[in-house]
Protein backbone atom coordinates (compact mmCIF):
# COMPACT_ATOMS: atom_id res chain seq x y z
CA MET A 1 -2.86 -25.12 -12.77
CA LEU A 2 -3.24 -22.96 -15.86
CA ASP A 3 -6.41 -21.43 -14.40
CA LEU A 4 -4.52 -20.56 -11.22
CA LEU A 5 -1.75 -18.86 -13.19
CA GLN A 6 -4.28 -16.93 -15.27
CA GLY A 7 -6.00 -15.80 -12.06
CA LEU A 8 -2.69 -14.71 -10.58
CA LYS A 9 -1.83 -12.86 -13.78
CA LYS A 10 -5.16 -11.00 -13.73
CA GLY A 11 -4.62 -10.16 -10.06
CA VAL A 12 -1.16 -8.70 -10.72
CA VAL A 13 -2.50 -6.68 -13.65
CA MET A 14 -5.40 -5.30 -11.58
CA TYR A 15 -3.09 -4.54 -8.65
CA SER A 16 -0.66 -2.76 -10.97
CA ILE A 17 -3.38 -0.68 -12.63
CA ILE A 18 -4.80 0.35 -9.25
CA THR A 19 -1.31 1.20 -8.00
CA ILE A 20 -0.60 3.33 -11.08
CA ILE A 21 -3.94 5.17 -10.76
CA MET A 22 -3.35 5.81 -7.06
CA GLY A 23 0.12 7.11 -7.86
CA ILE A 24 -1.18 9.51 -10.52
CA ILE A 25 -3.84 10.82 -8.13
CA LEU A 26 -1.22 11.39 -5.43
CA ILE A 27 1.02 13.21 -7.90
CA LEU A 28 -1.74 15.50 -9.16
CA PHE A 29 -3.62 16.17 -5.88
CA PRO A 30 -1.26 15.56 -2.94
CA ASP A 31 -2.87 17.90 -0.40
CA THR A 32 -6.48 16.98 -1.14
CA THR A 33 -5.69 13.27 -1.27
CA SER A 34 -3.90 13.40 2.07
CA LEU A 35 -6.82 15.13 3.78
CA ILE A 36 -9.41 12.81 2.24
CA VAL A 37 -7.48 9.71 3.31
CA CYS A 38 -6.95 11.11 6.80
CA TYR A 39 -10.59 12.09 7.28
CA GLY A 40 -11.85 8.85 5.76
CA ILE A 41 -9.76 6.69 8.08
CA ALA A 42 -10.67 8.92 11.02
CA GLY A 43 -14.36 8.55 10.18
CA VAL A 44 -14.14 4.76 10.03
CA ILE A 45 -12.25 4.62 13.34
CA LEU A 46 -14.75 6.99 14.96
CA ILE A 47 -17.72 4.93 13.74
CA CYS A 48 -16.11 1.73 15.06
CA GLY A 49 -15.59 3.41 18.43
CA ILE A 50 -19.20 4.59 18.57
CA MET A 51 -20.40 1.09 17.62
CA ASP A 52 -18.31 -0.44 20.43
CA MET A 53 -19.80 2.01 22.93
CA ILE A 54 -23.34 1.36 21.69
CA ARG A 55 -22.71 -2.38 21.93
CA TYR A 56 -21.45 -1.97 25.51
CA PHE A 57 -24.56 -0.10 26.62
CA SER A 58 -27.01 -2.32 24.71
CA ASN A 59 -29.28 -4.82 26.40
CA ASP A 60 -28.11 -7.65 24.14
CA PHE A 61 -25.51 -9.48 26.23
CA SER A 62 -24.66 -11.99 23.49
CA TYR A 63 -22.61 -9.42 21.54
CA ARG A 64 -21.24 -7.36 24.43
CA PHE A 65 -17.71 -7.68 25.71
CA GLY A 66 -16.30 -6.10 28.86
CA TYR A 67 -13.66 -4.19 26.95
CA ASP A 68 -16.10 -2.61 24.46
CA LEU A 69 -16.39 0.57 26.51
CA LEU A 70 -12.61 1.00 26.71
CA THR A 71 -11.96 0.20 23.04
CA GLY A 72 -14.90 2.38 22.02
CA PHE A 73 -13.52 5.30 24.00
CA LEU A 74 -9.99 4.80 22.65
CA LEU A 75 -11.19 4.47 19.04
CA CYS A 76 -13.32 7.61 19.39
CA ALA A 77 -10.35 9.49 20.85
CA VAL A 78 -8.08 8.37 17.99
CA GLY A 79 -10.72 9.29 15.39
CA ILE A 80 -11.25 12.74 16.91
CA PHE A 81 -7.48 13.28 17.17
CA MET A 82 -7.09 12.37 13.48
CA ILE A 83 -9.77 14.88 12.53
CA LEU A 84 -8.46 17.68 14.74
CA ARG A 85 -4.75 17.06 14.09
CA SER A 86 -4.80 15.83 10.52
CA ASP A 87 -1.50 17.65 9.96
CA ILE A 88 0.33 15.24 12.29
CA VAL A 89 -1.39 12.21 10.81
CA ILE A 90 -0.59 13.35 7.28
CA MET A 91 3.07 13.56 8.24
CA MET A 92 2.91 9.85 9.20
CA ILE A 93 1.37 8.75 5.88
CA PRO A 94 4.65 8.91 3.95
CA PHE A 95 6.29 6.58 6.47
CA VAL A 96 3.51 3.98 6.22
CA ILE A 97 3.39 4.05 2.42
CA GLY A 98 7.18 4.13 2.28
CA MET A 99 7.21 0.89 4.28
CA PHE A 100 4.73 -0.59 1.79
CA ILE A 101 7.06 0.36 -1.07
CA VAL A 102 10.07 -1.12 0.76
CA ILE A 103 8.20 -4.40 1.20
CA GLU A 104 7.15 -4.35 -2.46
CA GLY A 105 10.77 -3.74 -3.49
CA ILE A 106 11.92 -6.71 -1.42
CA LEU A 107 9.23 -8.93 -2.95
CA ASN A 108 10.26 -7.83 -6.45
CA ILE A 109 13.89 -8.64 -5.64
CA VAL A 110 12.79 -12.15 -4.61
CA ARG A 111 10.79 -12.46 -7.84
CA SER A 112 13.85 -11.42 -9.82
CA PHE A 113 15.90 -14.18 -8.23
CA GLN A 114 13.11 -16.62 -9.04
CA LEU A 115 13.40 -15.57 -12.67
CA ARG A 116 17.14 -16.29 -12.41
CA GLN A 117 16.45 -19.75 -11.00
CA TRP A 118 14.08 -20.40 -13.89
CA GLY A 119 16.90 -19.53 -16.29
CA PHE A 120 15.51 -16.22 -17.52
CA GLU A 121 18.40 -14.38 -19.14
CA ARG A 122 17.36 -10.80 -18.36
CA TRP A 123 16.65 -11.30 -14.64
CA LEU A 124 19.43 -8.87 -13.70
CA TYR A 125 17.57 -6.01 -15.38
CA ASP A 126 14.50 -6.73 -13.22
CA LEU A 127 16.71 -7.03 -10.14
CA VAL A 128 18.25 -3.58 -10.74
CA LEU A 129 14.80 -2.02 -11.16
CA SER A 130 13.59 -3.78 -8.00
CA VAL A 131 16.58 -2.54 -5.99
CA LEU A 132 15.84 0.98 -7.25
CA LEU A 133 12.26 0.63 -5.98
CA LEU A 134 13.57 -0.55 -2.62
CA ILE A 135 15.92 2.45 -2.42
CA LEU A 136 13.11 4.88 -3.30
CA GLY A 137 10.95 3.37 -0.55
CA MET A 138 13.77 3.63 1.97
CA ILE A 139 14.32 7.30 1.05
CA ILE A 140 10.65 7.98 1.80
CA VAL A 141 10.84 6.16 5.14
CA VAL A 142 14.10 7.76 6.28
CA ASN A 143 13.65 11.28 4.90
CA PRO A 144 10.16 12.40 3.94
CA PHE A 145 11.74 15.47 2.28
CA ASP A 146 10.65 17.70 5.17
CA ALA A 147 7.29 18.34 3.57
CA ALA A 148 4.35 15.96 3.51
CA LEU A 149 3.03 17.18 0.16
CA VAL A 150 6.34 16.59 -1.59
CA SER A 151 6.50 13.20 0.09
CA VAL A 152 3.01 12.34 -1.08
CA MET A 153 3.97 13.28 -4.64
CA MET A 154 7.12 11.16 -4.32
CA ILE A 155 5.00 8.30 -3.05
CA GLY A 156 2.80 8.75 -6.11
CA ILE A 157 5.84 8.51 -8.36
CA CYS A 158 6.98 5.37 -6.53
CA LEU A 159 3.52 3.80 -6.81
CA VAL A 160 3.42 4.47 -10.56
CA TYR A 161 6.91 2.99 -10.84
CA ASP A 162 5.88 -0.01 -8.73
CA GLY A 163 2.85 -0.69 -10.90
CA LEU A 164 4.86 -0.41 -14.11
CA LEU A 165 7.61 -2.63 -12.71
CA ASN A 166 5.10 -5.30 -11.72
CA LEU A 167 3.65 -5.24 -15.23
CA LEU A 168 7.14 -5.50 -16.72
CA ILE A 169 8.08 -8.46 -14.52
CA LEU A 170 4.75 -10.15 -15.31
CA HIS A 171 5.35 -9.61 -19.03
CA ARG A 172 8.86 -11.04 -18.81
CA SER A 173 7.63 -14.02 -16.78
CA SER A 174 4.92 -14.69 -19.35
CA GLN A 175 7.50 -14.51 -22.16
CA PHE A 176 9.68 -16.98 -20.32
CA VAL A 177 6.79 -19.39 -19.78
CA LYS A 178 6.00 -19.20 -23.51
CA GLN A 179 9.66 -19.94 -24.33
CA ILE A 180 9.56 -23.00 -22.10
CA ARG A 181 6.39 -24.29 -23.74
CA ASP A 182 7.88 -23.93 -27.23
């Protein structure tokens, strides 16, 4: 059980560090980051579409499905659209990441209540910070500040905040576990 908890702790720390780094990159390079992400995803989708089409026209019937031609065509069309109209796709990125932050805020609220159930005295502090994260995520989803670059920078700020909050909650949980052991 202790090994499982140590593994979970390492996972939360790694997740938090990655989230903080991603947030800093988004804050410092919002336009470049948005284009790179858009083109990268478009490239992967385009390659998947080409692979589906190649599989459809191949002579190997064991890996071919009847819908490969249709999915290949659709994936290629989406990939090409993302490359040609990256401006539209970039405008959608804040919504998707905002939803991620909303979900993370909800999970942190649940974790705060778990700390309360465990008898941790300062759970309310973590709850307030988690609610703030939820509100920031909802602001991004509802109003992306009318400019994708500002939204991307705001997302970066929220990701840094999310990572720091996760580390804080992990630290407080570890302190509480130590108190219980003693």
